[in-house]
Protein backbone atom coordinates (compact mmCIF):
# COMPACT_ATOMS: atom_id res chain seq x y z
CA UNK A 1 0.05 -0.09 -0.07
CA UNK A 2 1.40 3.28 -1.10
CA UNK A 3 0.73 5.91 1.49
CA UNK A 4 -0.28 9.12 -0.82
CA UNK A 5 1.83 12.49 -1.24
CA UNK A 6 -1.22 14.82 0.15
CA UNK A 7 -1.07 12.57 3.17
CA UNK A 8 2.29 13.27 3.96
CA UNK A 9 1.98 16.83 3.42
CA UNK A 10 -1.34 16.40 5.71
CA UNK A 11 0.89 14.48 8.47
CA UNK A 12 3.97 16.73 7.87
CA UNK A 13 1.71 20.20 8.70
CA UNK A 14 0.81 18.21 11.89
CA UNK A 15 3.64 17.55 13.02
CA UNK A 16 5.47 20.81 11.90
CA UNK A 17 7.97 19.57 9.62
CA UNK A 18 9.25 20.31 6.32
CA UNK A 19 10.37 17.61 3.91
CA UNK A 20 11.92 18.10 0.30
CA UNK A 21 10.34 15.92 -2.60
CA UNK A 22 12.84 13.54 -2.56
CA UNK A 23 12.19 13.08 1.24
CA UNK A 24 8.39 12.81 1.00
CA UNK A 25 8.75 9.94 -2.05
CA UNK A 26 11.22 7.86 -0.07
CA UNK A 27 8.61 8.85 3.09
CA UNK A 28 5.44 7.68 0.88
CA UNK A 29 6.81 4.09 0.40
CA UNK A 30 8.36 3.99 3.94
CA UNK A 31 5.02 4.20 5.34
CA UNK A 32 3.39 2.05 2.84
CA UNK A 33 5.85 -0.92 4.10
CA UNK A 34 4.87 0.03 7.52
CA UNK A 35 0.79 0.28 7.17
CA UNK A 36 1.31 -3.23 5.57
CA UNK A 37 2.90 -4.55 8.25
CA UNK A 38 0.36 -2.84 10.76
CA UNK A 39 -1.69 -4.87 8.28
CA UNK A 40 0.00 -7.85 8.92
CA UNK A 41 -0.25 -7.83 12.84
CA UNK A 42 -3.82 -7.05 13.16
CA UNK A 43 -4.57 -10.31 10.90
CA UNK A 44 -3.13 -12.43 14.77
CA UNK A 45 -4.97 -14.27 16.72
CA UNK A 46 -4.12 -12.98 20.25
CA UNK A 47 -7.83 -14.15 21.75
CA UNK A 48 -6.05 -16.23 24.35
CA UNK A 49 -3.10 -14.25 25.37
CA UNK A 50 -2.67 -12.92 28.26
CA UNK A 51 -1.43 -9.00 27.71
CA UNK A 52 1.82 -7.76 29.33
CA UNK A 53 3.39 -4.46 30.19
CA UNK A 54 6.82 -5.57 29.78
CA UNK A 55 9.14 -7.80 28.25
CA UNK A 56 10.47 -9.28 31.22
CA UNK A 57 8.82 -9.93 34.91
CA UNK A 58 12.06 -8.10 36.70
CA UNK A 59 10.86 -5.62 39.63
CA UNK A 60 11.11 -2.27 38.71
CA UNK A 61 12.69 -0.11 41.01
CA UNK A 62 11.05 3.47 41.93
CA UNK A 63 12.77 6.38 42.99
CA UNK A 64 11.81 8.13 45.65
CA UNK A 65 9.30 10.63 45.35
CA UNK A 66 11.31 14.10 46.70
CA UNK A 67 10.36 17.25 46.02
CA UNK A 68 12.98 19.36 44.40
CA UNK A 69 13.65 22.54 44.16
CA UNK A 70 11.19 24.56 41.81
CA UNK A 71 11.37 27.24 39.12
CA UNK A 72 10.43 31.00 40.03
CA UNK A 73 7.74 31.89 36.92
CA UNK A 74 10.34 33.88 35.12
CA UNK A 75 12.14 31.30 34.86
CA UNK A 76 9.68 28.60 33.74
CA UNK A 77 7.60 31.53 31.27
CA UNK A 78 11.04 32.28 29.75
CA UNK A 79 11.54 29.63 26.63
CA UNK A 80 7.60 30.23 26.30
CA UNK A 81 6.49 30.94 22.76
CA UNK A 82 3.77 33.22 24.15
CA UNK A 83 2.75 34.45 27.59
CA UNK A 84 -1.14 35.18 28.49
CA UNK A 85 -2.03 36.29 31.75
CA UNK A 86 0.74 34.61 33.52
CA UNK A 87 0.16 31.51 31.77
CA UNK A 88 1.95 29.57 28.63
CA UNK A 89 -0.22 30.44 25.52
CA UNK A 90 0.39 27.79 22.62
CA UNK A 91 -1.32 27.79 19.40
CA UNK A 92 -4.32 25.54 18.41
CA UNK A 93 -2.96 21.46 17.04
CA UNK A 94 -6.58 20.27 17.42
CA UNK A 95 -8.62 20.36 13.91
CA UNK A 96 -5.52 21.33 11.49
């Protein structure tokens, strides 16, 4: 299955990425192979398989929950693209 150029351009816009025409052509082939592989995975019969959260069953060590040094409001907002009433203001990304 080939992913069309329009779909790649739409995804690139949503991800705020820019590609050359050659990269778009290569990406169409790569994404097409990925979609085919995902279709193959969908055909697997996994009804009697127990879901797993990790490849191994080793316990996961947790670090202690310790309060650290907090940033000042000025430090936290220093790299914000836009500030609105002392809060981060970011462009709308839902709905294209």
